[in-house]
PDB file of N, CA and C in Angstrom:
ATOM      1  N   MET A   1       1.182  -0.999  -0.055  1.00  0.00           N
ATOM      2  CA  MET A   1       0.011  -0.086   0.004  1.00  0.00           C
ATOM      3  C   MET A   1       0.602   1.490   0.143  1.00  0.00           C
ATOM      4  N   GLY A   2       0.491   2.343  -0.652  1.00  0.00           N
ATOM      5  CA  GLY A   2       1.132   3.542  -1.040  1.00  0.00           C
ATOM      6  C   GLY A   2       0.786   4.541   0.244  1.00  0.00           C
ATOM      7  N   ILE A   3       1.869   5.298   0.373  1.00  0.00           N
ATOM      8  CA  ILE A   3       1.507   6.436   1.185  1.00  0.00           C
ATOM      9  C   ILE A   3       0.473   7.227   0.711  1.00  0.00           C
ATOM     10  N   VAL A   4      -0.703   7.829   1.891  1.00  0.00           N
ATOM     11  CA  VAL A   4      -1.476   8.453   1.360  1.00  0.00           C
ATOM     12  C   VAL A   4      -1.184   9.871   2.201  1.00  0.00           C
ATOM     13  N   ARG A   5      -1.274  11.354   1.295  1.00  0.00           N
ATOM     14  CA  ARG A   5      -0.786  12.133   1.981  1.00  0.00           C
ATOM     15  C   ARG A   5      -2.096  12.738   2.469  1.00  0.00           C
ATOM     16  N   GLY A   6      -2.145  13.662   3.095  1.00  0.00           N
ATOM     17  CA  GLY A   6      -3.092  14.511   3.889  1.00  0.00           C
ATOM     18  C   GLY A   6      -2.952  15.635   2.826  1.00  0.00           C
ATOM     19  N   ARG A   7      -3.998  16.277   2.651  1.00  0.00           N
ATOM     20  CA  ARG A   7      -4.331  17.822   1.625  1.00  0.00           C
ATOM     21  C   ARG A   7      -4.520  18.999   2.409  1.00  0.00           C
ATOM     22  N   LYS A   8      -4.138  18.583   3.304  1.00  0.00           N
ATOM     23  CA  LYS A   8      -4.262  19.932   4.254  1.00  0.00           C
ATOM     24  C   LYS A   8      -3.348  21.145   4.292  1.00  0.00           C
ATOM     25  N   ALA A   9      -3.465  22.076   3.863  1.00  0.00           N
ATOM     26  CA  ALA A   9      -2.760  23.129   4.078  1.00  0.00           C
ATOM     27  C   ALA A   9      -2.015  23.802   4.875  1.00  0.00           C
ATOM     28  N   SER A  10      -0.692  23.532   4.820  1.00  0.00           N
ATOM     29  CA  SER A  10       0.574  24.522   6.072  1.00  0.00           C
ATOM     30  C   SER A  10       0.001  25.683   6.755  1.00  0.00           C
ATOM     31  N   ALA A  11      -0.390  26.196   5.565  1.00  0.00           N
ATOM     32  CA  ALA A  11      -1.033  27.790   6.016  1.00  0.00           C
ATOM     33  C   ALA A  11      -1.892  28.376   4.661  1.00  0.00           C
ATOM     34  N   VAL A  12      -2.263  29.275   4.849  1.00  0.00           N
ATOM     35  CA  VAL A  12      -3.309  30.061   4.159  1.00  0.00           C
ATOM     36  C   VAL A  12      -2.830  31.446   3.858  1.00  0.00           C
ATOM     37  N   VAL A  13      -2.512  31.829   3.194  1.00  0.00           N
ATOM     38  CA  VAL A  13      -1.350  33.114   3.098  1.00  0.00           C
ATOM     39  C   VAL A  13      -2.759  34.308   2.242  1.00  0.00           C
ATOM     40  N   LEU A  14      -2.722  35.234   2.159  1.00  0.00           N
ATOM     41  CA  LEU A  14      -3.317  36.506   1.582  1.00  0.00           C
ATOM     42  C   LEU A  14      -2.705  37.165   1.170  1.00  0.00           C
ATOM     43  N   ARG A  15      -2.463  37.302  -0.343  1.00  0.00           N
ATOM     44  CA  ARG A  15      -1.479  38.368  -1.002  1.00  0.00           C
ATOM     45  C   ARG A  15      -2.256  39.290  -0.733  1.00  0.00           C
ATOM     46  N   PRO A  16      -1.778  40.785  -1.100  1.00  0.00           N
ATOM     47  CA  PRO A  16      -1.917  42.254  -0.645  1.00  0.00           C
ATOM     48  C   PRO A  16      -3.390  42.416  -1.206  1.00  0.00           C
ATOM     49  N   GLY A  17      -3.511  42.381  -2.536  1.00  0.00           N
ATOM     50  CA  GLY A  17      -4.814  42.409  -2.952  1.00  0.00           C
ATOM     51  C   GLY A  17      -6.326  41.667  -2.368  1.00  0.00           C
ATOM     52  N   ALA A  18      -5.780  40.009  -1.869  1.00  0.00           N
ATOM     53  CA  ALA A  18      -7.156  39.780  -1.268  1.00  0.00           C
ATOM     54  C   ALA A  18      -6.849  40.404  -0.312  1.00  0.00           C
ATOM     55  N   ASP A  19      -6.032  40.359   0.540  1.00  0.00           N
ATOM     56  CA  ASP A  19      -6.145  41.101   2.057  1.00  0.00           C
ATOM     57  C   ASP A  19      -6.866  42.066   2.412  1.00  0.00           C
ATOM     58  N   ARG A  20      -6.726  43.183   1.463  1.00  0.00           N
ATOM     59  CA  ARG A  20      -7.095  44.646   1.242  1.00  0.00           C
ATOM     60  C   ARG A  20      -8.905  44.235   0.961  1.00  0.00           C
ATOM     61  N   PHE A  21      -9.151  43.466   0.098  1.00  0.00           N
ATOM     62  CA  PHE A  21     -10.483  42.972  -0.424  1.00  0.00           C
ATOM     63  C   PHE A  21     -11.029  42.760   1.018  1.00  0.00           C
ATOM     64  N   LEU A  22     -10.949  41.498   1.865  1.00  0.00           N
ATOM     65  CA  LEU A  22     -11.160  40.940   3.241  1.00  0.00           C
ATOM     66  C   LEU A  22     -11.619  41.945   4.010  1.00  0.00           C
ATOM     67  N   ARG A  23     -10.516  43.312   4.110  1.00  0.00           N
ATOM     68  CA  ARG A  23     -10.382  44.508   4.929  1.00  0.00           C
ATOM     69  C   ARG A  23     -11.626  45.322   4.640  1.00  0.00           C
ATOM     70  N   THR A  24     -11.841  45.250   3.348  1.00  0.00           N
ATOM     71  CA  THR A  24     -12.482  46.523   3.241  1.00  0.00           C
ATOM     72  C   THR A  24     -14.164  45.940   2.608  1.00  0.00           C
ATOM     73  N   CYS A  25     -14.366  45.047   2.123  1.00  0.00           N
ATOM     74  CA  CYS A  25     -15.715  44.340   1.807  1.00  0.00           C
ATOM     75  C   CYS A  25     -17.162  44.868   2.710  1.00  0.00           C
ATOM     76  N   THR A  26     -17.792  45.279   2.060  1.00  0.00           N
ATOM     77  CA  THR A  26     -18.613  45.490   2.496  1.00  0.00           C
ATOM     78  C   THR A  26     -20.233  44.896   2.750  1.00  0.00           C
ATOM     79  N   ASP A  27     -20.209  43.833   1.215  1.00  0.00           N
ATOM     80  CA  ASP A  27     -21.320  43.168   1.272  1.00  0.00           C
ATOM     81  C   ASP A  27     -20.838  41.890   2.189  1.00  0.00           C
ATOM     82  N   GLU A  28     -21.681  41.621   3.139  1.00  0.00           N
ATOM     83  CA  GLU A  28     -21.532  40.661   4.241  1.00  0.00           C
ATOM     84  C   GLU A  28     -20.992  39.139   3.443  1.00  0.00           C
ATOM     85  N   ARG A  29     -22.419  38.942   2.465  1.00  0.00           N
ATOM     86  CA  ARG A  29     -22.645  37.776   1.678  1.00  0.00           C
ATOM     87  C   ARG A  29     -21.353  37.355   1.128  1.00  0.00           C
ATOM     88  N   VAL A  30     -20.790  38.195   0.317  1.00  0.00           N
ATOM     89  CA  VAL A  30     -19.454  38.060  -0.285  1.00  0.00           C
ATOM     90  C   VAL A  30     -18.085  37.646   0.494  1.00  0.00           C
ATOM     91  N   LYS A  31     -18.121  38.870   1.504  1.00  0.00           N
ATOM     92  CA  LYS A  31     -17.512  38.254   2.617  1.00  0.00           C
ATOM     93  C   LYS A  31     -17.412  37.085   3.356  1.00  0.00           C
ATOM     94  N   ARG A  32     -18.296  36.811   3.831  1.00  0.00           N
ATOM     95  CA  ARG A  32     -18.283  35.677   4.464  1.00  0.00           C
ATOM     96  C   ARG A  32     -18.309  34.257   3.642  1.00  0.00           C
ATOM     97  N   SER A  33     -18.528  34.615   2.041  1.00  0.00           N
ATOM     98  CA  SER A  33     -18.416  33.230   1.290  1.00  0.00           C
ATOM     99  C   SER A  33     -17.004  32.851   1.391  1.00  0.00           C
ATOM    100  N   ALA A  34     -15.973  34.210   1.393  1.00  0.00           N
ATOM    101  CA  ALA A  34     -14.627  34.498   0.771  1.00  0.00           C
ATOM    102  C   ALA A  34     -13.598  33.300   2.603  1.00  0.00           C
ATOM    103  N   GLU A  35     -14.546  33.937   3.415  1.00  0.00           N
ATOM    104  CA  GLU A  35     -13.761  33.765   4.851  1.00  0.00           C
ATOM    105  C   GLU A  35     -14.115  32.115   4.572  1.00  0.00           C
ATOM    106  N   ASP A  36     -15.350  31.572   4.610  1.00  0.00           N
ATOM    107  CA  ASP A  36     -15.652  30.253   4.786  1.00  0.00           C
ATOM    108  C   ASP A  36     -14.447  29.596   3.704  1.00  0.00           C
ATOM    109  N   MET A  37     -14.192  29.796   2.075  1.00  0.00           N
ATOM    110  CA  MET A  37     -13.555  29.153   1.170  1.00  0.00           C
ATOM    111  C   MET A  37     -12.234  29.300   1.983  1.00  0.00           C
ATOM    112  N   LEU A  38     -11.954  30.282   2.284  1.00  0.00           N
ATOM    113  CA  LEU A  38     -10.345  30.087   3.428  1.00  0.00           C
ATOM    114  C   LEU A  38     -10.245  29.037   4.140  1.00  0.00           C
ATOM    115  N   ASP A  39     -11.412  28.679   4.732  1.00  0.00           N
ATOM    116  CA  ASP A  39     -11.209  27.977   5.884  1.00  0.00           C
ATOM    117  C   ASP A  39     -10.942  26.509   5.201  1.00  0.00           C
ATOM    118  N   LEU A  40     -12.041  26.142   4.360  1.00  0.00           N
ATOM    119  CA  LEU A  40     -12.149  25.017   3.469  1.00  0.00           C
ATOM    120  C   LEU A  40     -11.044  24.958   3.372  1.00  0.00           C
ATOM    121  N   LEU A  41     -10.097  25.964   2.128  1.00  0.00           N
ATOM    122  CA  LEU A  41      -8.943  25.629   1.646  1.00  0.00           C
ATOM    123  C   LEU A  41      -7.931  25.055   2.702  1.00  0.00           C
ATOM    124  N   LYS A  42      -8.029  25.590   4.176  1.00  0.00           N
ATOM    125  CA  LYS A  42      -7.344  25.115   4.844  1.00  0.00           C
ATOM    126  C   LYS A  42      -7.108  23.513   5.051  1.00  0.00           C
ATOM    127  N   GLU A  43      -8.611  23.107   5.110  1.00  0.00           N
ATOM    128  CA  GLU A  43      -8.591  21.558   5.108  1.00  0.00           C
ATOM    129  C   GLU A  43      -8.033  20.903   4.109  1.00  0.00           C
ATOM    130  N   ARG A  44      -8.202  21.534   2.898  1.00  0.00           N
ATOM    131  CA  ARG A  44      -8.273  20.646   1.255  1.00  0.00           C
ATOM    132  C   ARG A  44      -7.493  21.503   0.760  1.00  0.00           C
ATOM    133  N   TYR A  45      -6.486  21.778   0.314  1.00  0.00           N
ATOM    134  CA  TYR A  45      -5.924  22.632  -0.776  1.00  0.00           C
ATOM    135  C   TYR A  45      -6.031  22.480  -1.757  1.00  0.00           C
ATOM    136  N   ASP A  46      -6.270  21.698  -2.625  1.00  0.00           N
ATOM    137  CA  ASP A  46      -6.671  21.346  -4.029  1.00  0.00           C
ATOM    138  C   ASP A  46      -8.336  21.323  -4.270  1.00  0.00           C
ATOM    139  N   LEU A  47      -9.021  21.957  -3.394  1.00  0.00           N
ATOM    140  CA  LEU A  47     -10.389  22.092  -3.425  1.00  0.00           C
ATOM    141  C   LEU A  47     -10.817  22.729  -5.034  1.00  0.00           C
ATOM    142  N   GLY A  48     -10.510  23.783  -5.290  1.00  0.00           N
ATOM    143  CA  GLY A  48     -10.248  24.919  -5.944  1.00  0.00           C
ATOM    144  C   GLY A  48     -10.326  24.110  -7.625  1.00  0.00           C
ATOM    145  N   THR A  49     -10.731  24.620  -8.845  1.00  0.00           N
ATOM    146  CA  THR A  49     -10.453  24.167 -10.060  1.00  0.00           C
ATOM    147  C   THR A  49      -9.291  24.620 -10.843  1.00  0.00           C
ATOM    148  N   LYS A  50      -8.595  23.359 -11.158  1.00  0.00           N
ATOM    149  CA  LYS A  50      -7.051  23.878 -11.413  1.00  0.00           C
ATOM    150  C   LYS A  50      -7.567  24.640 -13.080  1.00  0.00           C
ATOM    151  N   ILE A  51      -6.808  25.598 -13.553  1.00  0.00           N
ATOM    152  CA  ILE A  51      -6.606  26.597 -14.362  1.00  0.00           C
ATOM    153  C   ILE A  51      -5.478  25.492 -15.097  1.00  0.00           C
ATOM    154  N   PRO A  52      -5.722  25.354 -16.483  1.00  0.00           N
ATOM    155  CA  PRO A  52      -4.719  24.654 -17.490  1.00  0.00           C
ATOM    156  C   PRO A  52      -3.664  26.087 -17.533  1.00  0.00           C
ATOM    157  N   ARG A  53      -2.652  25.825 -17.535  1.00  0.00           N
ATOM    158  CA  ARG A  53      -1.377  27.010 -17.702  1.00  0.00           C
ATOM    159  C   ARG A  53      -1.636  27.828 -18.874  1.00  0.00           C
ATOM    160  N   PRO A  54      -1.856  27.336 -20.212  1.00  0.00           N
ATOM    161  CA  PRO A  54      -2.355  28.101 -21.459  1.00  0.00           C
ATOM    162  C   PRO A  54      -3.049  29.266 -21.116  1.00  0.00           C
ATOM    163  N   LEU A  55      -4.132  28.855 -20.094  1.00  0.00           N
ATOM    164  CA  LEU A  55      -4.871  29.991 -19.683  1.00  0.00           C
ATOM    165  C   LEU A  55      -4.500  31.140 -18.608  1.00  0.00           C
ATOM    166  N   PHE A  56      -3.416  30.859 -17.682  1.00  0.00           N
ATOM    167  CA  PHE A  56      -2.613  31.653 -16.932  1.00  0.00           C
ATOM    168  C   PHE A  56      -2.720  32.898 -17.648  1.00  0.00           C
ATOM    169  N   PRO A  57      -3.258  34.317 -16.700  1.00  0.00           N
ATOM    170  CA  PRO A  57      -3.094  35.448 -17.308  1.00  0.00           C
ATOM    171  C   PRO A  57      -1.629  36.147 -17.460  1.00  0.00           C
ATOM    172  N   PRO A  58      -0.932  36.120 -18.616  1.00  0.00           N
ATOM    173  CA  PRO A  58       0.237  37.196 -18.381  1.00  0.00           C
ATOM    174  C   PRO A  58       0.720  37.661 -17.425  1.00  0.00           C
ATOM    175  N   PRO A  59      -0.192  38.755 -16.616  1.00  0.00           N
ATOM    176  CA  PRO A  59       0.625  39.040 -15.693  1.00  0.00           C
ATOM    177  C   PRO A  59       0.420  38.733 -13.974  1.00  0.00           C
ATOM    178  N   TYR A  60      -0.238  37.486 -14.168  1.00  0.00           N
ATOM    179  CA  TYR A  60       0.143  36.842 -12.779  1.00  0.00           C
ATOM    180  C   TYR A  60       1.406  35.742 -13.255  1.00  0.00           C
ATOM    181  N   ILE A  61       1.712  36.182 -14.309  1.00  0.00           N
ATOM    182  CA  ILE A  61       2.873  34.713 -14.434  1.00  0.00           C
ATOM    183  C   ILE A  61       4.194  36.042 -14.441  1.00  0.00           C
ATOM    184  N   GLU A  62       3.862  37.140 -14.608  1.00  0.00           N
ATOM    185  CA  GLU A  62       4.733  38.300 -15.024  1.00  0.00           C
ATOM    186  C   GLU A  62       5.297  38.456 -13.244  1.00  0.00           C
ATOM    187  N   LYS A  63       4.002  38.902 -12.460  1.00  0.00           N
ATOM    188  CA  LYS A  63       3.807  39.094 -10.616  1.00  0.00           C
ATOM    189  C   LYS A  63       4.387  38.175  -9.734  1.00  0.00           C
ATOM    190  N   TRP A  64       3.892  36.452 -10.211  1.00  0.00           N
ATOM    191  CA  TRP A  64       3.820  35.898  -9.291  1.00  0.00           C
ATOM    192  C   TRP A  64       4.589  34.666  -9.801  1.00  0.00           C
ATOM    193  N   GLY A  65       5.113  34.660 -10.953  1.00  0.00           N
ATOM    194  CA  GLY A  65       5.833  33.545 -11.497  1.00  0.00           C
ATOM    195  C   GLY A  65       5.058  32.167 -11.119  1.00  0.00           C
ATOM    196  N   LEU A  66       3.802  32.090 -11.876  1.00  0.00           N
ATOM    197  CA  LEU A  66       3.325  30.656 -11.115  1.00  0.00           C
ATOM    198  C   LEU A  66       3.497  29.244 -11.696  1.00  0.00           C
ATOM    199  N   ASN A  67       3.067  28.473 -10.689  1.00  0.00           N
ATOM    200  CA  ASN A  67       3.846  27.211 -11.733  1.00  0.00           C
ATOM    201  C   ASN A  67       2.200  26.222 -11.723  1.00  0.00           C
ATOM    202  N   ASN A  68       0.981  26.855 -10.847  1.00  0.00           N
ATOM    203  CA  ASN A  68      -0.434  26.052 -10.976  1.00  0.00           C
ATOM    204  C   ASN A  68      -0.873  27.288 -10.706  1.00  0.00           C
ATOM    205  N   LEU A  69      -2.178  27.158 -10.640  1.00  0.00           N
ATOM    206  CA  LEU A  69      -3.328  28.176 -10.759  1.00  0.00           C
ATOM    207  C   LEU A  69      -4.652  27.641 -10.419  1.00  0.00           C
ATOM    208  N   TYR A  70      -5.361  27.960  -9.330  1.00  0.00           N
ATOM    209  CA  TYR A  70      -6.887  27.657  -8.954  1.00  0.00           C
ATOM    210  C   TYR A  70      -7.473  28.485  -8.763  1.00  0.00           C
ATOM    211  N   LYS A  71      -9.088  28.379  -9.223  1.00  0.00           N
ATOM    212  CA  LYS A  71     -10.070  29.079  -8.978  1.00  0.00           C
ATOM    213  C   LYS A  71     -11.095  28.330  -8.181  1.00  0.00           C
ATOM    214  N   CYS A  72     -11.720  28.908  -6.908  1.00  0.00           N
ATOM    215  CA  CYS A  72     -12.684  28.997  -6.701  1.00  0.00           C
ATOM    216  C   CYS A  72     -14.296  30.180  -6.757  1.00  0.00           C
ATOM    217  N   ASP A  73     -15.172  29.519  -6.959  1.00  0.00           N
ATOM    218  CA  ASP A  73     -16.568  30.057  -6.941  1.00  0.00           C
ATOM    219  C   ASP A  73     -16.764  30.639  -5.923  1.00  0.00           C
ATOM    220  N   LEU A  74     -17.483  31.901  -5.683  1.00  0.00           N
ATOM    221  CA  LEU A  74     -17.610  32.260  -4.432  1.00  0.00           C
ATOM    222  C   LEU A  74     -19.333  32.812  -4.542  1.00  0.00           C
ATOM    223  N   ALA A  75     -19.732  33.196  -3.728  1.00  0.00           N
ATOM    224  CA  ALA A  75     -21.325  33.680  -3.729  1.00  0.00           C
ATOM    225  C   ALA A  75     -21.701  35.027  -4.443  1.00  0.00           C
ATOM    226  N   LEU A  76     -22.980  34.727  -4.566  1.00  0.00           N
ATOM    227  CA  LEU A  76     -23.001  36.405  -6.364  1.00  0.00           C
ATOM    228  C   LEU A  76     -22.233  36.137  -7.462  1.00  0.00           C
ATOM    229  N   GLY A  77     -21.669  34.840  -7.585  1.00  0.00           N
ATOM    230  CA  GLY A  77     -20.677  35.443  -8.875  1.00  0.00           C
ATOM    231  C   GLY A  77     -19.458  35.723  -8.537  1.00  0.00           C
ATOM    232  N   TRP A  78     -18.830  35.963  -7.318  1.00  0.00           N
ATOM    233  CA  TRP A  78     -17.649  36.226  -7.315  1.00  0.00           C
ATOM    234  C   TRP A  78     -16.340  34.879  -7.452  1.00  0.00           C
ATOM    235  N   ARG A  79     -15.248  35.451  -7.759  1.00  0.00           N
ATOM    236  CA  ARG A  79     -14.044  34.354  -8.066  1.00  0.00           C
ATOM    237  C   ARG A  79     -12.729  34.817  -6.846  1.00  0.00           C
ATOM    238  N   LEU A  80     -12.276  33.594  -6.442  1.00  0.00           N
ATOM    239  CA  LEU A  80     -11.031  33.583  -5.645  1.00  0.00           C
ATOM    240  C   LEU A  80     -10.065  33.000  -6.574  1.00  0.00           C
ATOM    241  N   THR A  81      -8.890  33.261  -6.597  1.00  0.00           N
ATOM    242  CA  THR A  81      -7.718  32.838  -7.446  1.00  0.00           C
ATOM    243  C   THR A  81      -6.543  32.279  -6.419  1.00  0.00           C
ATOM    244  N   TYR A  82      -5.798  31.533  -6.302  1.00  0.00           N
ATOM    245  CA  TYR A  82      -5.073  30.997  -5.516  1.00  0.00           C
ATOM    246  C   TYR A  82      -3.720  30.230  -6.314  1.00  0.00           C
ATOM    247  N   THR A  83      -2.852  29.683  -6.164  1.00  0.00           N
ATOM    248  CA  THR A  83      -1.894  29.192  -6.102  1.00  0.00           C
ATOM    249  C   THR A  83      -1.451  28.523  -4.815  1.00  0.00           C
ATOM    250  N   LEU A  84      -0.610  26.900  -5.350  1.00  0.00           N
ATOM    251  CA  LEU A  84       0.145  26.271  -4.191  1.00  0.00           C
ATOM    252  C   LEU A  84       1.826  26.722  -3.971  1.00  0.00           C
ATOM    253  N   THR A  85       2.070  26.419  -2.932  1.00  0.00           N
ATOM    254  CA  THR A  85       3.609  26.728  -2.809  1.00  0.00           C
ATOM    255  C   THR A  85       4.092  25.756  -1.711  1.00  0.00           C
ATOM    256  N   SER A  86       5.113  25.519  -2.110  1.00  0.00           N
ATOM    257  CA  SER A  86       5.863  24.543  -0.751  1.00  0.00           C
ATOM    258  C   SER A  86       6.747  25.285   0.135  1.00  0.00           C
ATOM    259  N   ASP A  87       6.182  25.304   1.712  1.00  0.00           N
ATOM    260  CA  ASP A  87       7.226  25.501   2.920  1.00  0.00           C
ATOM    261  C   ASP A  87       7.655  24.333   3.756  1.00  0.00           C
ATOM    262  N   ALA A  88       8.656  24.811   4.483  1.00  0.00           N
ATOM    263  CA  ALA A  88       9.255  24.176   5.581  1.00  0.00           C
ATOM    264  C   ALA A  88       8.211  23.221   6.423  1.00  0.00           C
ATOM    265  N   ALA A  89       6.602  23.416   5.891  1.00  0.00           N
ATOM    266  CA  ALA A  89       5.811  22.942   6.636  1.00  0.00           C
ATOM    267  C   ALA A  89       4.992  21.651   5.698  1.00  0.00           C
ATOM    268  N   GLY A  90       5.154  22.071   4.798  1.00  0.00           N
ATOM    269  CA  GLY A  90       4.257  21.655   3.706  1.00  0.00           C
ATOM    270  C   GLY A  90       3.833  22.100   2.162  1.00  0.00           C
ATOM    271  N   ILE A  91       2.552  22.099   2.179  1.00  0.00           N
ATOM    272  CA  ILE A  91       1.919  22.732   0.861  1.00  0.00           C
ATOM    273  C   ILE A  91       1.151  23.999   1.481  1.00  0.00           C
ATOM    274  N   ARG A  92       1.621  25.186   0.940  1.00  0.00           N
ATOM    275  CA  ARG A  92       1.024  26.433   1.371  1.00  0.00           C
ATOM    276  C   ARG A  92      -0.106  26.813   0.222  1.00  0.00           C
ATOM    277  N   VAL A  93      -1.228  27.418   0.476  1.00  0.00           N
ATOM    278  CA  VAL A  93      -2.095  28.296  -0.308  1.00  0.00           C
ATOM    279  C   VAL A  93      -1.874  29.656  -0.385  1.00  0.00           C
ATOM    280  N   ASP A  94      -1.515  30.368  -1.441  1.00  0.00           N
ATOM    281  CA  ASP A  94      -1.130  31.796  -1.393  1.00  0.00           C
ATOM    282  C   ASP A  94      -2.400  32.427  -2.020  1.00  0.00           C
ATOM    283  N   VAL A  95      -3.176  32.775  -1.381  1.00  0.00           N
ATOM    284  CA  VAL A  95      -4.553  33.631  -2.148  1.00  0.00           C
ATOM    285  C   VAL A  95      -4.271  34.811  -3.181  1.00  0.00           C
ATOM    286  N   LEU A  96      -4.253  34.534  -4.173  1.00  0.00           N
ATOM    287  CA  LEU A  96      -4.119  36.275  -5.246  1.00  0.00           C
ATOM    288  C   LEU A  96      -4.801  36.814  -5.097  1.00  0.00           C
ATOM    289  N   GLU A  97      -6.027  36.609  -5.521  1.00  0.00           N
ATOM    290  CA  GLU A  97      -7.416  37.809  -5.500  1.00  0.00           C
ATOM    291  C   GLU A  97      -8.385  37.084  -5.344  1.00  0.00           C
ATOM    292  N   ILE A  98      -9.557  38.389  -5.380  1.00  0.00           N
ATOM    293  CA  ILE A  98     -10.793  37.773  -4.814  1.00  0.00           C
ATOM    294  C   ILE A  98     -11.891  38.857  -5.856  1.00  0.00           C
ATOM    295  N   MET A  99     -12.479  38.419  -6.487  1.00  0.00           N
ATOM    296  CA  MET A  99     -12.725  39.258  -7.599  1.00  0.00           C
ATOM    297  C   MET A  99     -14.439  39.021  -8.201  1.00  0.00           C
ATOM    298  N   PRO A 100     -15.097  40.500  -8.795  1.00  0.00           N
ATOM    299  CA  PRO A 100     -16.558  39.512  -9.069  1.00  0.00           C
ATOM    300  C   PRO A 100     -16.411  38.981 -10.320  1.00  0.00           C
ATOM    301  N   HIS A 101     -17.005  38.309 -11.120  1.00  0.00           N
ATOM    302  CA  HIS A 101     -16.833  37.510 -12.289  1.00  0.00           C
ATOM    303  C   HIS A 101     -16.475  38.499 -13.334  1.00  0.00           C
ATOM    304  N   PRO A 102     -17.455  39.494 -13.697  1.00  0.00           N
ATOM    305  CA  PRO A 102     -17.209  40.713 -14.764  1.00  0.00           C
ATOM    306  C   PRO A 102     -15.522  40.808 -14.726  1.00  0.00           C
ATOM    307  N   GLU A 103     -15.103  40.802 -13.867  1.00  0.00           N
ATOM    308  CA  GLU A 103     -13.464  41.440 -13.464  1.00  0.00           C
ATOM    309  C   GLU A 103     -12.329  39.823 -13.888  1.00  0.00           C
ATOM    310  N   TYR A 104     -12.879  39.098 -13.410  1.00  0.00           N
ATOM    311  CA  TYR A 104     -12.515  37.539 -13.687  1.00  0.00           C
ATOM    312  C   TYR A 104     -12.336  36.780 -15.088  1.00  0.00           C
ATOM    313  N   ASP A 105     -13.628  37.547 -15.704  1.00  0.00           N
ATOM    314  CA  ASP A 105     -13.757  37.251 -17.331  1.00  0.00           C
ATOM    315  C   ASP A 105     -12.942  38.065 -18.290  1.00  0.00           C
ATOM    316  N   LYS A 106     -12.518  38.727 -17.430  1.00  0.00           N
ATOM    317  CA  LYS A 106     -11.645  40.347 -18.401  1.00  0.00           C
ATOM    318  C   LYS A 106     -10.144  39.769 -17.879  1.00  0.00           C
ATOM    319  N   ARG A 107      -9.749  39.825 -16.718  1.00  0.00           N
ATOM    320  CA  ARG A 107      -8.505  39.110 -16.489  1.00  0.00           C
ATOM    321  C   ARG A 107      -8.058  37.878 -17.000  1.00  0.00           C
ATOM    322  N   PHE A 108      -9.122  37.020 -17.290  1.00  0.00           N
ATOM    323  CA  PHE A 108      -8.980  36.049 -17.832  1.00  0.00           C
ATOM    324  C   PHE A 108      -8.710  35.546 -19.546  1.00  0.00           C
ATOM    325  N   GLY A 109      -9.382  37.006 -20.069  1.00  0.00           N
ATOM    326  CA  GLY A 109      -9.420  37.475 -21.665  1.00  0.00           C
ATOM    327  C   GLY A 109     -10.875  36.398 -21.906  1.00  0.00           C
ATOM    328  N   TYR A 110     -12.002  36.267 -20.796  1.00  0.00           N
ATOM    329  CA  TYR A 110     -13.052  35.655 -21.761  1.00  0.00           C
ATOM    330  C   TYR A 110     -13.901  36.726 -22.054  1.00  0.00           C
ATOM    331  N   ARG A 111     -14.063  37.800 -21.608  1.00  0.00           N
ATOM    332  CA  ARG A 111     -14.117  39.258 -22.181  1.00  0.00           C
ATOM    333  C   ARG A 111     -13.342  40.259 -22.195  1.00  0.00           C
ATOM    334  N   THR A 112     -13.475  41.285 -23.302  1.00  0.00           N
ATOM    335  CA  THR A 112     -12.292  42.216 -23.469  1.00  0.00           C
ATOM    336  C   THR A 112     -12.878  43.400 -23.193  1.00  0.00           C
ATOM    337  N   THR A 113     -13.885  43.880 -22.539  1.00  0.00           N
ATOM    338  CA  THR A 113     -14.540  44.990 -22.644  1.00  0.00           C
ATOM    339  C   THR A 113     -14.491  45.505 -21.253  1.00  0.00           C
TER     340      THR A 113
END
């Protein structure tokens, strides 16, 4: 029998944009949805939908030098994006952005206006 690895994150880290969003968000439903998702990601870091590398937005690669990218759907059409990195304790979730669906579509090139 092989070794079964846990999928629990060693940490969930908010990048500045995601942190700023959570501190300033006035829509309680969206804020609660994001906070709940952060709790879920602590328990299972691969919970999100993996985005294929050819679809990574160029600014994400330039800014963060990503090797992997995931997204999670939140309440009211909002999206949370994150990447996985390793640290001394295991696999860490780095939350990159929390944004409304139209902004997500634009960032990923699904909508150009």
